[in-house]
Amino acid sequence: MAGRKEFLRRLDTTVALLQPHPRPFGLVSPAEMAPAGNPDPVRFVRAYTVVSQVLAKELPAVAGLAVGRRGWRAEIRRHYTDGPGDPRFADLAASCVELLRPDLRTDPFAQAVAIQYWLSKNAVYSRASDHESAADPLADFLFGNRTGHCVYLAHSACLLYRARGIPSRVGAGYAVDGRNRGNGGSLLLRERDAHAWPEIYLEGLGWLPMDI
């Protein structure tokens, strides 16, 4: 994750796997990974260290940054900004931006926050959903009862971001409340903690999670 030093700080963690995992993962935005000694071979199958670059400032500090990367080829930018032809996505994204003060409506990050806020207030998280059988499950979710799991929320956010020309992608991994570590420094990740979230790309900062 390429980023500005004034926005990011280094975070070192160690991952120890209780069960084999198909691919390595790290906390927040992993930038480097390296093998590590197994702290308990009886309990863990392997271990590795992770260096993450985490946001060191409050979110309002990134307002004003341009979206996308200056060196991107045109096809890469299209890959992260192409969206559906359904005009309802653009109309909804525009109505979310109207929630902002007039002086913020041209700022891409402020637009992304407005969309994030609207979804957080108008969608209901549920592991059970009835959209899978629809011709367009995502449109059925977003323009229907807006009740569904994280995959629907993440993809909806990305398509609304893209309707405003904001490069976005869906991230996947695990989400665990940091308060679960109690007074210690460890977190236990379980299969049921699997999660998806939207990310936007800000110039000089990289991919920024915008979880709903």
N, C-alpha and C. Protein backbone atom coordinates (compact mmCIF):
# COMPACT_ATOMS: atom_id res chain seq x y z
N MET A 1 0.85 -1.20 0.00
CA MET A 1 0.00 0.00 0.00
C MET A 1 0.89 1.24 0.00
N ALA A 2 0.98 1.90 -1.13
CA ALA A 2 1.77 3.12 -1.19
C ALA A 2 1.00 4.24 -0.53
N GLY A 3 1.69 5.05 0.26
CA GLY A 3 0.97 6.11 0.94
C GLY A 3 1.90 7.19 1.46
N ARG A 4 1.33 8.27 1.90
CA ARG A 4 2.08 9.38 2.43
C ARG A 4 2.44 9.12 3.88
N LYS A 5 3.68 9.46 4.24
CA LYS A 5 4.13 9.19 5.59
C LYS A 5 3.30 9.94 6.62
N GLU A 6 2.82 11.13 6.26
CA GLU A 6 2.06 11.90 7.25
C GLU A 6 0.69 11.31 7.52
N PHE A 7 0.21 10.42 6.64
CA PHE A 7 -1.11 9.82 6.83
C PHE A 7 -1.04 8.42 7.43
N LEU A 8 0.09 7.75 7.29
CA LEU A 8 0.16 6.33 7.65
C LEU A 8 1.19 6.08 8.74
N ARG A 9 0.95 5.02 9.50
CA ARG A 9 1.94 4.56 10.46
C ARG A 9 2.08 3.05 10.35
N ARG A 10 3.22 2.57 10.74
CA ARG A 10 3.53 1.15 10.65
C ARG A 10 2.90 0.41 11.84
N LEU A 11 2.36 -0.77 11.55
CA LEU A 11 1.79 -1.63 12.59
C LEU A 11 2.31 -3.04 12.38
N ASP A 12 3.03 -3.58 13.36
CA ASP A 12 3.59 -4.92 13.28
C ASP A 12 2.71 -5.92 14.04
N THR A 13 2.37 -7.02 13.40
CA THR A 13 1.57 -8.06 14.04
C THR A 13 2.13 -9.43 13.67
N THR A 14 1.70 -10.43 14.42
CA THR A 14 2.05 -11.82 14.12
C THR A 14 0.76 -12.61 13.97
N VAL A 15 0.67 -13.40 12.91
CA VAL A 15 -0.48 -14.28 12.67
C VAL A 15 -0.04 -15.71 12.92
N ALA A 16 -0.78 -16.43 13.78
CA ALA A 16 -0.53 -17.85 14.03
C ALA A 16 -1.80 -18.61 13.69
N LEU A 17 -1.70 -19.58 12.79
CA LEU A 17 -2.87 -20.28 12.27
C LEU A 17 -3.15 -21.55 13.06
N LEU A 18 -4.40 -21.66 13.54
CA LEU A 18 -4.84 -22.89 14.19
C LEU A 18 -5.16 -23.98 13.17
N GLN A 19 -5.57 -23.55 11.97
CA GLN A 19 -5.90 -24.45 10.87
C GLN A 19 -5.26 -23.92 9.60
N PRO A 20 -4.98 -24.79 8.63
CA PRO A 20 -4.43 -24.31 7.36
C PRO A 20 -5.37 -23.31 6.71
N HIS A 21 -4.80 -22.32 6.03
CA HIS A 21 -5.59 -21.30 5.34
C HIS A 21 -5.10 -21.20 3.91
N PRO A 22 -6.01 -21.04 2.93
CA PRO A 22 -5.60 -21.07 1.51
C PRO A 22 -4.66 -19.94 1.11
N ARG A 23 -4.70 -18.81 1.83
CA ARG A 23 -3.81 -17.71 1.47
C ARG A 23 -3.53 -16.88 2.71
N PRO A 24 -2.36 -16.26 2.80
CA PRO A 24 -2.03 -15.46 3.99
C PRO A 24 -2.89 -14.20 4.06
N PHE A 25 -3.10 -13.72 5.26
CA PHE A 25 -3.87 -12.49 5.46
C PHE A 25 -3.22 -11.71 6.59
N GLY A 26 -3.52 -10.42 6.67
CA GLY A 26 -2.92 -9.58 7.70
C GLY A 26 -3.92 -8.56 8.21
N LEU A 27 -3.55 -7.90 9.29
CA LEU A 27 -4.42 -6.92 9.91
C LEU A 27 -4.43 -5.63 9.09
N VAL A 28 -5.62 -5.14 8.79
CA VAL A 28 -5.85 -3.90 8.03
C VAL A 28 -5.15 -4.00 6.67
N SER A 29 -4.31 -3.05 6.31
CA SER A 29 -3.72 -3.02 4.96
C SER A 29 -2.31 -3.59 5.01
N PRO A 30 -2.16 -4.90 4.79
CA PRO A 30 -0.83 -5.51 4.87
C PRO A 30 0.07 -5.07 3.73
N ALA A 31 1.30 -4.69 4.08
CA ALA A 31 2.27 -4.26 3.08
C ALA A 31 3.42 -5.25 2.93
N GLU A 32 3.76 -5.96 4.01
CA GLU A 32 4.86 -6.92 3.98
C GLU A 32 4.48 -8.14 4.82
N MET A 33 4.95 -9.32 4.39
CA MET A 33 4.76 -10.55 5.15
C MET A 33 6.05 -11.35 5.12
N ALA A 34 6.33 -12.07 6.21
CA ALA A 34 7.54 -12.88 6.28
C ALA A 34 7.29 -14.05 7.23
N PRO A 35 7.91 -15.22 6.96
CA PRO A 35 7.74 -16.36 7.86
C PRO A 35 8.24 -16.04 9.26
N ALA A 36 7.64 -16.68 10.26
CA ALA A 36 8.05 -16.49 11.65
C ALA A 36 8.12 -17.85 12.34
N GLY A 37 8.88 -17.92 13.41
CA GLY A 37 8.94 -19.14 14.18
C GLY A 37 7.60 -19.47 14.81
N ASN A 38 7.22 -20.72 14.81
CA ASN A 38 5.94 -21.14 15.37
C ASN A 38 6.03 -21.08 16.89
N PRO A 39 5.20 -20.23 17.54
CA PRO A 39 5.29 -20.09 19.00
C PRO A 39 4.81 -21.31 19.77
N ASP A 40 4.00 -22.16 19.14
CA ASP A 40 3.48 -23.35 19.81
C ASP A 40 3.12 -24.39 18.74
N PRO A 41 4.08 -25.20 18.30
CA PRO A 41 3.82 -26.16 17.22
C PRO A 41 2.70 -27.15 17.51
N VAL A 42 2.43 -27.42 18.77
CA VAL A 42 1.34 -28.33 19.11
C VAL A 42 -0.01 -27.70 18.79
N ARG A 43 -0.09 -26.40 18.94
CA ARG A 43 -1.36 -25.69 18.76
C ARG A 43 -1.50 -25.09 17.37
N PHE A 44 -0.42 -24.51 16.83
CA PHE A 44 -0.50 -23.77 15.58
C PHE A 44 0.17 -24.55 14.44
N VAL A 45 -0.37 -24.41 13.22
CA VAL A 45 0.21 -25.09 12.07
C VAL A 45 1.32 -24.27 11.42
N ARG A 46 1.28 -22.95 11.55
CA ARG A 46 2.33 -22.08 11.03
C ARG A 46 2.13 -20.69 11.58
N ALA A 47 3.15 -19.85 11.41
CA ALA A 47 3.05 -18.46 11.86
C ALA A 47 3.84 -17.57 10.90
N TYR A 48 3.47 -16.30 10.82
CA TYR A 48 4.19 -15.34 10.00
C TYR A 48 3.97 -13.94 10.55
N THR A 49 4.87 -13.05 10.24
CA THR A 49 4.74 -11.67 10.67
C THR A 49 4.15 -10.83 9.55
N VAL A 50 3.47 -9.75 9.93
CA VAL A 50 2.82 -8.86 8.98
C VAL A 50 3.15 -7.42 9.35
N VAL A 51 3.52 -6.63 8.35
CA VAL A 51 3.67 -5.19 8.53
C VAL A 51 2.51 -4.52 7.80
N SER A 52 1.68 -3.80 8.53
CA SER A 52 0.55 -3.09 7.94
C SER A 52 0.81 -1.59 7.97
N GLN A 53 0.19 -0.89 7.02
CA GLN A 53 0.23 0.57 7.00
C GLN A 53 -1.17 1.06 7.34
N VAL A 54 -1.35 1.60 8.52
CA VAL A 54 -2.67 1.99 8.98
C VAL A 54 -2.80 3.51 9.04
N LEU A 55 -4.01 3.98 8.90
CA LEU A 55 -4.27 5.41 8.89
C LEU A 55 -3.94 6.00 10.26
N ALA A 56 -3.11 7.03 10.26
CA ALA A 56 -2.66 7.64 11.52
C ALA A 56 -3.41 8.92 11.86
N LYS A 57 -4.29 9.35 10.97
CA LYS A 57 -5.02 10.60 11.19
C LYS A 57 -6.52 10.33 11.20
N GLU A 58 -7.27 11.29 11.70
CA GLU A 58 -8.73 11.20 11.64
C GLU A 58 -9.17 11.31 10.18
N LEU A 59 -10.28 10.65 9.85
CA LEU A 59 -10.72 10.62 8.45
C LEU A 59 -10.88 12.00 7.80
N PRO A 60 -11.39 13.02 8.51
CA PRO A 60 -11.52 14.33 7.84
C PRO A 60 -10.20 14.86 7.27
N ALA A 61 -9.07 14.37 7.78
CA ALA A 61 -7.78 14.87 7.30
C ALA A 61 -7.50 14.47 5.87
N VAL A 62 -8.16 13.41 5.37
CA VAL A 62 -7.89 12.97 4.00
C VAL A 62 -8.80 13.66 2.99
N ALA A 63 -9.70 14.50 3.45
CA ALA A 63 -10.56 15.25 2.52
C ALA A 63 -9.67 16.10 1.62
N GLY A 64 -10.03 16.17 0.36
CA GLY A 64 -9.27 16.96 -0.60
C GLY A 64 -8.29 16.14 -1.42
N LEU A 65 -8.02 14.89 -1.01
CA LEU A 65 -7.15 14.04 -1.82
C LEU A 65 -7.87 13.62 -3.10
N ALA A 66 -7.11 13.54 -4.18
CA ALA A 66 -7.69 13.10 -5.44
C ALA A 66 -7.94 11.60 -5.39
N VAL A 67 -8.86 11.12 -6.20
CA VAL A 67 -9.15 9.68 -6.25
C VAL A 67 -8.38 9.05 -7.40
N GLY A 68 -8.05 7.76 -7.22
CA GLY A 68 -7.28 7.06 -8.23
C GLY A 68 -5.79 7.35 -8.08
N ARG A 69 -5.02 6.75 -8.95
CA ARG A 69 -3.57 6.90 -8.92
C ARG A 69 -3.13 7.56 -10.22
N ARG A 70 -2.26 8.54 -10.10
CA ARG A 70 -1.85 9.32 -11.26
C ARG A 70 -1.24 8.45 -12.36
N GLY A 71 -0.55 7.39 -11.99
CA GLY A 71 0.13 6.57 -12.98
C GLY A 71 -0.71 5.44 -13.56
N TRP A 72 -1.97 5.34 -13.18
CA TRP A 72 -2.82 4.27 -13.71
C TRP A 72 -3.02 4.39 -15.21
N ARG A 73 -2.97 3.26 -15.91
CA ARG A 73 -3.36 3.25 -17.31
C ARG A 73 -4.88 3.39 -17.40
N ALA A 74 -5.35 3.78 -18.57
CA ALA A 74 -6.78 4.04 -18.74
C ALA A 74 -7.61 2.80 -18.46
N GLU A 75 -7.11 1.61 -18.86
CA GLU A 75 -7.88 0.40 -18.64
C GLU A 75 -7.97 0.03 -17.16
N ILE A 76 -6.94 0.38 -16.38
CA ILE A 76 -6.99 0.12 -14.94
C ILE A 76 -8.01 1.03 -14.28
N ARG A 77 -8.00 2.31 -14.67
CA ARG A 77 -8.98 3.23 -14.10
C ARG A 77 -10.40 2.80 -14.45
N ARG A 78 -10.60 2.36 -15.70
CA ARG A 78 -11.93 1.88 -16.09
C ARG A 78 -12.33 0.66 -15.27
N HIS A 79 -11.35 -0.22 -14.99
CA HIS A 79 -11.65 -1.43 -14.23
C HIS A 79 -12.24 -1.10 -12.87
N TYR A 80 -11.76 -0.03 -12.25
CA TYR A 80 -12.21 0.32 -10.90
C TYR A 80 -13.33 1.37 -10.87
N THR A 81 -13.72 1.86 -12.05
CA THR A 81 -14.80 2.86 -12.06
C THR A 81 -16.00 2.45 -12.90
N ASP A 82 -15.87 1.38 -13.70
CA ASP A 82 -17.02 0.92 -14.49
C ASP A 82 -18.13 0.43 -13.57
N GLY A 83 -19.36 0.79 -13.92
CA GLY A 83 -20.51 0.35 -13.14
C GLY A 83 -21.64 -0.09 -14.04
N PRO A 84 -22.78 -0.41 -13.45
CA PRO A 84 -23.91 -0.87 -14.25
C PRO A 84 -24.54 0.25 -15.05
N GLY A 85 -25.23 -0.11 -16.10
CA GLY A 85 -25.92 0.89 -16.90
C GLY A 85 -27.22 1.35 -16.29
N ASP A 86 -27.67 0.68 -15.24
CA ASP A 86 -28.93 1.03 -14.58
C ASP A 86 -28.82 2.44 -14.01
N PRO A 87 -29.63 3.40 -14.50
CA PRO A 87 -29.51 4.80 -14.05
C PRO A 87 -29.88 5.00 -12.59
N ARG A 88 -30.54 4.03 -11.98
CA ARG A 88 -30.93 4.21 -10.59
C ARG A 88 -29.72 4.33 -9.66
N PHE A 89 -28.62 3.68 -10.02
CA PHE A 89 -27.42 3.78 -9.19
C PHE A 89 -26.90 5.21 -9.17
N ALA A 90 -26.81 5.83 -10.35
CA ALA A 90 -26.33 7.21 -10.42
C ALA A 90 -27.28 8.16 -9.72
N ASP A 91 -28.58 7.93 -9.86
CA ASP A 91 -29.57 8.79 -9.22
C ASP A 91 -29.47 8.70 -7.70
N LEU A 92 -29.31 7.47 -7.19
CA LEU A 92 -29.22 7.30 -5.74
C LEU A 92 -27.93 7.91 -5.22
N ALA A 93 -26.83 7.69 -5.92
CA ALA A 93 -25.55 8.27 -5.49
C ALA A 93 -25.64 9.79 -5.44
N ALA A 94 -26.30 10.39 -6.44
CA ALA A 94 -26.45 11.85 -6.47
C ALA A 94 -27.29 12.34 -5.30
N SER A 95 -28.32 11.58 -4.94
CA SER A 95 -29.17 12.00 -3.82
C SER A 95 -28.41 11.89 -2.50
N CYS A 96 -27.48 10.92 -2.40
CA CYS A 96 -26.65 10.82 -1.19
C CYS A 96 -25.74 12.04 -1.06
N VAL A 97 -25.17 12.46 -2.18
CA VAL A 97 -24.26 13.62 -2.17
C VAL A 97 -25.01 14.88 -1.77
N GLU A 98 -26.29 14.94 -2.07
CA GLU A 98 -27.09 16.11 -1.70
C GLU A 98 -27.18 16.29 -0.19
N LEU A 99 -26.83 15.24 0.57
CA LEU A 99 -26.84 15.35 2.04
C LEU A 99 -25.70 16.23 2.54
N LEU A 100 -24.69 16.45 1.71
CA LEU A 100 -23.53 17.22 2.11
C LEU A 100 -23.77 18.72 2.02
N ARG A 101 -22.96 19.46 2.76
CA ARG A 101 -22.95 20.91 2.58
C ARG A 101 -22.50 21.22 1.16
N PRO A 102 -23.01 22.30 0.56
CA PRO A 102 -22.64 22.61 -0.82
C PRO A 102 -21.14 22.67 -1.07
N ASP A 103 -20.37 23.15 -0.10
CA ASP A 103 -18.93 23.28 -0.31
C ASP A 103 -18.19 21.95 -0.29
N LEU A 104 -18.87 20.87 0.12
CA LEU A 104 -18.24 19.55 0.17
C LEU A 104 -18.68 18.63 -0.97
N ARG A 105 -19.65 19.05 -1.73
CA ARG A 105 -20.24 18.14 -2.72
C ARG A 105 -19.34 17.80 -3.88
N THR A 106 -18.26 18.53 -4.08
CA THR A 106 -17.34 18.22 -5.17
C THR A 106 -16.14 17.42 -4.67
N ASP A 107 -16.04 17.19 -3.37
CA ASP A 107 -14.92 16.45 -2.82
C ASP A 107 -15.21 14.96 -2.87
N PRO A 108 -14.39 14.16 -3.57
CA PRO A 108 -14.69 12.73 -3.73
C PRO A 108 -14.77 11.98 -2.40
N PHE A 109 -13.88 12.28 -1.46
CA PHE A 109 -13.93 11.56 -0.19
C PHE A 109 -15.20 11.91 0.57
N ALA A 110 -15.61 13.16 0.55
CA ALA A 110 -16.85 13.55 1.21
C ALA A 110 -18.04 12.84 0.56
N GLN A 111 -18.02 12.71 -0.77
CA GLN A 111 -19.08 11.99 -1.46
C GLN A 111 -19.12 10.53 -1.00
N ALA A 112 -17.95 9.92 -0.87
CA ALA A 112 -17.90 8.52 -0.42
C ALA A 112 -18.45 8.38 0.99
N VAL A 113 -18.13 9.32 1.85
CA VAL A 113 -18.64 9.28 3.23
C VAL A 113 -20.16 9.44 3.24
N ALA A 114 -20.67 10.32 2.38
CA ALA A 114 -22.12 10.51 2.33
C ALA A 114 -22.83 9.23 1.89
N ILE A 115 -22.26 8.52 0.92
CA ILE A 115 -22.84 7.25 0.48
C ILE A 115 -22.74 6.20 1.59
N GLN A 116 -21.60 6.15 2.25
CA GLN A 116 -21.42 5.23 3.37
C GLN A 116 -22.46 5.51 4.46
N TYR A 117 -22.66 6.79 4.77
CA TYR A 117 -23.62 7.18 5.81
C TYR A 117 -25.04 6.77 5.41
N TRP A 118 -25.40 7.04 4.15
CA TRP A 118 -26.76 6.73 3.71
C TRP A 118 -27.03 5.22 3.81
N LEU A 119 -26.07 4.42 3.37
CA LEU A 119 -26.26 2.97 3.45
C LEU A 119 -26.35 2.50 4.89
N SER A 120 -25.54 3.09 5.78
CA SER A 120 -25.57 2.66 7.18
C SER A 120 -26.90 2.99 7.84
N LYS A 121 -27.59 4.01 7.34
CA LYS A 121 -28.87 4.41 7.93
C LYS A 121 -30.07 3.78 7.24
N ASN A 122 -29.88 3.30 6.02
CA ASN A 122 -31.04 2.85 5.24
C ASN A 122 -31.01 1.39 4.84
N ALA A 123 -29.98 0.67 5.26
CA ALA A 123 -29.90 -0.77 4.99
C ALA A 123 -29.90 -1.53 6.31
N VAL A 124 -30.36 -2.77 6.25
CA VAL A 124 -30.43 -3.62 7.45
C VAL A 124 -29.55 -4.82 7.23
N TYR A 125 -28.58 -5.01 8.13
CA TYR A 125 -27.70 -6.17 8.00
C TYR A 125 -28.42 -7.42 8.47
N SER A 126 -28.39 -8.46 7.64
CA SER A 126 -29.00 -9.74 7.99
C SER A 126 -28.29 -10.84 7.22
N ARG A 127 -27.96 -11.92 7.90
CA ARG A 127 -27.34 -13.06 7.22
C ARG A 127 -28.33 -13.77 6.31
N ALA A 128 -29.59 -13.56 6.57
CA ALA A 128 -30.64 -14.15 5.73
C ALA A 128 -31.13 -13.10 4.73
N SER A 129 -31.26 -13.48 3.47
CA SER A 129 -31.78 -12.57 2.46
C SER A 129 -32.56 -13.36 1.42
N ASP A 130 -33.41 -12.69 0.69
CA ASP A 130 -34.23 -13.36 -0.31
C ASP A 130 -33.99 -12.78 -1.70
N HIS A 131 -32.78 -12.26 -1.93
CA HIS A 131 -32.48 -11.60 -3.21
C HIS A 131 -31.81 -12.51 -4.22
N GLU A 132 -31.30 -13.66 -3.77
CA GLU A 132 -30.51 -14.51 -4.65
C GLU A 132 -31.27 -14.98 -5.88
N SER A 133 -32.57 -15.12 -5.77
CA SER A 133 -33.37 -15.63 -6.88
C SER A 133 -33.76 -14.55 -7.90
N ALA A 134 -33.46 -13.30 -7.60
CA ALA A 134 -33.83 -12.19 -8.50
C ALA A 134 -32.92 -12.19 -9.72
N ALA A 135 -33.40 -11.61 -10.81
CA ALA A 135 -32.60 -11.51 -12.03
C ALA A 135 -31.32 -10.70 -11.77
N ASP A 136 -31.44 -9.65 -10.98
CA ASP A 136 -30.29 -8.83 -10.57
C ASP A 136 -30.34 -8.75 -9.04
N PRO A 137 -29.69 -9.67 -8.33
CA PRO A 137 -29.80 -9.70 -6.86
C PRO A 137 -29.38 -8.40 -6.20
N LEU A 138 -28.34 -7.75 -6.72
CA LEU A 138 -27.86 -6.53 -6.09
C LEU A 138 -28.87 -5.39 -6.22
N ALA A 139 -29.42 -5.22 -7.43
CA ALA A 139 -30.44 -4.19 -7.61
C ALA A 139 -31.68 -4.51 -6.80
N ASP A 140 -32.02 -5.79 -6.71
CA ASP A 140 -33.17 -6.19 -5.91
C ASP A 140 -32.97 -5.83 -4.44
N PHE A 141 -31.72 -5.96 -3.96
CA PHE A 141 -31.39 -5.57 -2.59
C PHE A 141 -31.47 -4.06 -2.42
N LEU A 142 -30.73 -3.32 -3.25
CA LEU A 142 -30.57 -1.89 -3.04
C LEU A 142 -31.85 -1.11 -3.30
N PHE A 143 -32.63 -1.54 -4.26
CA PHE A 143 -33.85 -0.81 -4.60
C PHE A 143 -35.10 -1.55 -4.12
N GLY A 144 -34.86 -2.53 -3.24
CA GLY A 144 -35.97 -3.27 -2.62
C GLY A 144 -35.99 -3.01 -1.13
N ASN A 145 -35.96 -4.08 -0.34
CA ASN A 145 -36.06 -3.90 1.11
C ASN A 145 -34.73 -3.57 1.78
N ARG A 146 -33.62 -3.61 1.02
CA ARG A 146 -32.28 -3.28 1.52
C ARG A 146 -31.94 -4.07 2.79
N THR A 147 -32.32 -5.31 2.80
CA THR A 147 -31.99 -6.21 3.91
C THR A 147 -31.12 -7.34 3.36
N GLY A 148 -29.90 -7.46 3.88
CA GLY A 148 -29.00 -8.48 3.38
C GLY A 148 -27.67 -8.46 4.11
N HIS A 149 -26.78 -9.36 3.70
CA HIS A 149 -25.50 -9.49 4.40
C HIS A 149 -24.45 -8.56 3.81
N CYS A 150 -23.22 -8.69 4.34
CA CYS A 150 -22.16 -7.75 4.02
C CYS A 150 -21.79 -7.71 2.54
N VAL A 151 -21.94 -8.82 1.82
CA VAL A 151 -21.60 -8.83 0.40
C VAL A 151 -22.49 -7.85 -0.37
N TYR A 152 -23.77 -7.82 -0.04
CA TYR A 152 -24.69 -6.88 -0.68
C TYR A 152 -24.31 -5.44 -0.35
N LEU A 153 -24.00 -5.19 0.91
CA LEU A 153 -23.65 -3.84 1.32
C LEU A 153 -22.36 -3.38 0.64
N ALA A 154 -21.36 -4.26 0.59
CA ALA A 154 -20.07 -3.88 0.00
C ALA A 154 -20.21 -3.60 -1.50
N HIS A 155 -20.89 -4.49 -2.22
CA HIS A 155 -21.05 -4.27 -3.66
C HIS A 155 -21.93 -3.06 -3.96
N SER A 156 -22.97 -2.85 -3.16
CA SER A 156 -23.82 -1.67 -3.37
C SER A 156 -23.01 -0.40 -3.21
N ALA A 157 -22.19 -0.34 -2.15
CA ALA A 157 -21.37 0.85 -1.93
C ALA A 157 -20.43 1.08 -3.10
N CYS A 158 -19.78 0.02 -3.57
CA CYS A 158 -18.83 0.19 -4.67
C CYS A 158 -19.50 0.72 -5.93
N LEU A 159 -20.67 0.20 -6.26
CA LEU A 159 -21.34 0.67 -7.47
C LEU A 159 -21.84 2.10 -7.32
N LEU A 160 -22.22 2.48 -6.12
CA LEU A 160 -22.60 3.88 -5.89
C LEU A 160 -21.38 4.78 -5.95
N TYR A 161 -20.24 4.33 -5.41
CA TYR A 161 -19.01 5.11 -5.53
C TYR A 161 -18.63 5.27 -7.00
N ARG A 162 -18.70 4.17 -7.73
CA ARG A 162 -18.31 4.23 -9.14
C ARG A 162 -19.23 5.14 -9.95
N ALA A 163 -20.48 5.23 -9.54
CA ALA A 163 -21.40 6.14 -10.22
C ALA A 163 -20.97 7.60 -10.07
N ARG A 164 -20.12 7.86 -9.07
CA ARG A 164 -19.58 9.21 -8.86
C ARG A 164 -18.14 9.31 -9.38
N GLY A 165 -17.66 8.27 -10.08
CA GLY A 165 -16.31 8.31 -10.62
C GLY A 165 -15.23 8.02 -9.61
N ILE A 166 -15.60 7.41 -8.48
CA ILE A 166 -14.64 7.10 -7.41
C ILE A 166 -14.16 5.65 -7.56
N PRO A 167 -12.88 5.42 -7.81
CA PRO A 167 -12.39 4.04 -7.95
C PRO A 167 -12.67 3.24 -6.68
N SER A 168 -13.20 2.05 -6.84
CA SER A 168 -13.57 1.26 -5.67
C SER A 168 -13.43 -0.23 -5.99
N ARG A 169 -13.35 -1.01 -4.92
CA ARG A 169 -13.29 -2.47 -5.03
C ARG A 169 -13.86 -3.06 -3.75
N VAL A 170 -14.17 -4.35 -3.80
CA VAL A 170 -14.66 -5.06 -2.61
C VAL A 170 -13.50 -5.81 -1.99
N GLY A 171 -13.27 -5.58 -0.71
CA GLY A 171 -12.27 -6.32 0.05
C GLY A 171 -12.93 -7.47 0.78
N ALA A 172 -12.17 -8.52 1.04
CA ALA A 172 -12.72 -9.68 1.75
C ALA A 172 -11.71 -10.18 2.77
N GLY A 173 -12.22 -10.63 3.89
CA GLY A 173 -11.35 -11.14 4.95
C GLY A 173 -12.16 -11.47 6.18
N TYR A 174 -11.74 -10.90 7.30
CA TYR A 174 -12.42 -11.15 8.57
C TYR A 174 -12.61 -9.83 9.29
N ALA A 175 -13.65 -9.76 10.11
CA ALA A 175 -13.91 -8.57 10.92
C ALA A 175 -14.19 -9.02 12.35
N VAL A 176 -13.38 -8.53 13.27
CA VAL A 176 -13.54 -8.85 14.68
C VAL A 176 -13.44 -7.56 15.48
N ASP A 177 -14.31 -7.37 16.43
CA ASP A 177 -14.28 -6.19 17.30
C ASP A 177 -13.00 -6.22 18.12
N GLY A 178 -12.21 -5.15 18.03
CA GLY A 178 -10.96 -5.08 18.77
C GLY A 178 -11.14 -5.18 20.27
N ARG A 179 -12.33 -4.86 20.75
CA ARG A 179 -12.57 -4.95 22.19
C ARG A 179 -12.59 -6.41 22.68
N ASN A 180 -12.67 -7.35 21.74
CA ASN A 180 -12.67 -8.76 22.12
C ASN A 180 -11.33 -9.24 22.66
N ARG A 181 -10.29 -8.44 22.48
CA ARG A 181 -8.98 -8.86 22.99
C ARG A 181 -8.85 -8.64 24.49
N GLY A 182 -9.81 -7.95 25.09
CA GLY A 182 -9.76 -7.71 26.53
C GLY A 182 -8.53 -6.92 26.90
N ASN A 183 -7.77 -7.41 27.89
CA ASN A 183 -6.54 -6.72 28.31
C ASN A 183 -5.30 -7.29 27.61
N GLY A 184 -5.50 -8.25 26.73
CA GLY A 184 -4.37 -8.87 26.05
C GLY A 184 -4.10 -8.22 24.70
N GLY A 185 -3.24 -8.87 23.93
CA GLY A 185 -2.88 -8.32 22.63
C GLY A 185 -3.20 -9.27 21.50
N SER A 186 -4.10 -10.24 21.72
CA SER A 186 -4.41 -11.24 20.70
C SER A 186 -5.89 -11.22 20.34
N LEU A 187 -6.17 -11.56 19.10
CA LEU A 187 -7.54 -11.71 18.62
C LEU A 187 -7.69 -13.08 17.98
N LEU A 188 -8.79 -13.74 18.27
CA LEU A 188 -9.08 -15.03 17.66
C LEU A 188 -10.03 -14.82 16.49
N LEU A 189 -9.61 -15.22 15.29
CA LEU A 189 -10.45 -15.11 14.10
C LEU A 189 -11.05 -16.47 13.79
N ARG A 190 -12.37 -16.48 13.60
CA ARG A 190 -13.08 -17.73 13.30
C ARG A 190 -13.75 -17.63 11.94
N GLU A 191 -14.14 -18.78 11.41
CA GLU A 191 -14.76 -18.80 10.09
C GLU A 191 -15.99 -17.91 10.04
N ARG A 192 -16.74 -17.87 11.12
CA ARG A 192 -17.96 -17.06 11.14
C ARG A 192 -17.68 -15.56 11.13
N ASP A 193 -16.40 -15.17 11.31
CA ASP A 193 -16.03 -13.76 11.26
C ASP A 193 -15.75 -13.28 9.84
N ALA A 194 -15.95 -14.14 8.84
CA ALA A 194 -15.72 -13.75 7.44
C ALA A 194 -16.54 -12.52 7.10
N HIS A 195 -15.97 -11.62 6.32
CA HIS A 195 -16.62 -10.33 6.07
C HIS A 195 -16.19 -9.77 4.72
N ALA A 196 -17.01 -8.91 4.16
CA ALA A 196 -16.68 -8.17 2.94
C ALA A 196 -16.95 -6.70 3.18
N TRP A 197 -16.17 -5.84 2.56
CA TRP A 197 -16.31 -4.40 2.76
C TRP A 197 -15.87 -3.66 1.50
N PRO A 198 -16.33 -2.43 1.31
CA PRO A 198 -15.90 -1.63 0.16
C PRO A 198 -14.62 -0.85 0.49
N GLU A 199 -13.83 -0.57 -0.54
CA GLU A 199 -12.64 0.26 -0.41
C GLU A 199 -12.61 1.27 -1.56
N ILE A 200 -12.08 2.45 -1.28
CA ILE A 200 -11.87 3.46 -2.32
C ILE A 200 -10.38 3.77 -2.39
N TYR A 201 -9.94 4.25 -3.55
CA TYR A 201 -8.51 4.55 -3.73
C TYR A 201 -8.31 6.06 -3.73
N LEU A 202 -7.46 6.54 -2.80
CA LEU A 202 -7.13 7.95 -2.71
C LEU A 202 -5.67 8.14 -3.09
N GLU A 203 -5.40 9.12 -3.92
CA GLU A 203 -4.05 9.40 -4.39
C GLU A 203 -3.11 9.65 -3.20
N GLY A 204 -1.98 8.94 -3.19
CA GLY A 204 -1.00 9.13 -2.13
C GLY A 204 -1.31 8.38 -0.86
N LEU A 205 -2.47 7.76 -0.78
CA LEU A 205 -2.86 7.02 0.42
C LEU A 205 -3.06 5.54 0.13
N GLY A 206 -3.68 5.23 -1.01
CA GLY A 206 -3.94 3.84 -1.38
C GLY A 206 -5.37 3.46 -1.12
N TRP A 207 -5.60 2.15 -0.96
CA TRP A 207 -6.94 1.64 -0.75
C TRP A 207 -7.38 1.86 0.69
N LEU A 208 -8.50 2.54 0.85
CA LEU A 208 -9.00 2.90 2.18
C LEU A 208 -10.32 2.17 2.43
N PRO A 209 -10.39 1.30 3.45
CA PRO A 209 -11.67 0.61 3.75
C PRO A 209 -12.74 1.62 4.16
N MET A 210 -13.95 1.40 3.64
CA MET A 210 -15.10 2.27 3.96
C MET A 210 -16.26 1.37 4.39
N ASP A 211 -16.04 0.57 5.42
CA ASP A 211 -17.03 -0.43 5.84
C ASP A 211 -18.35 0.24 6.19
N ILE A 212 -19.43 -0.45 5.86
CA ILE A 212 -20.76 0.09 6.13
C ILE A 212 -21.15 -0.34 7.56
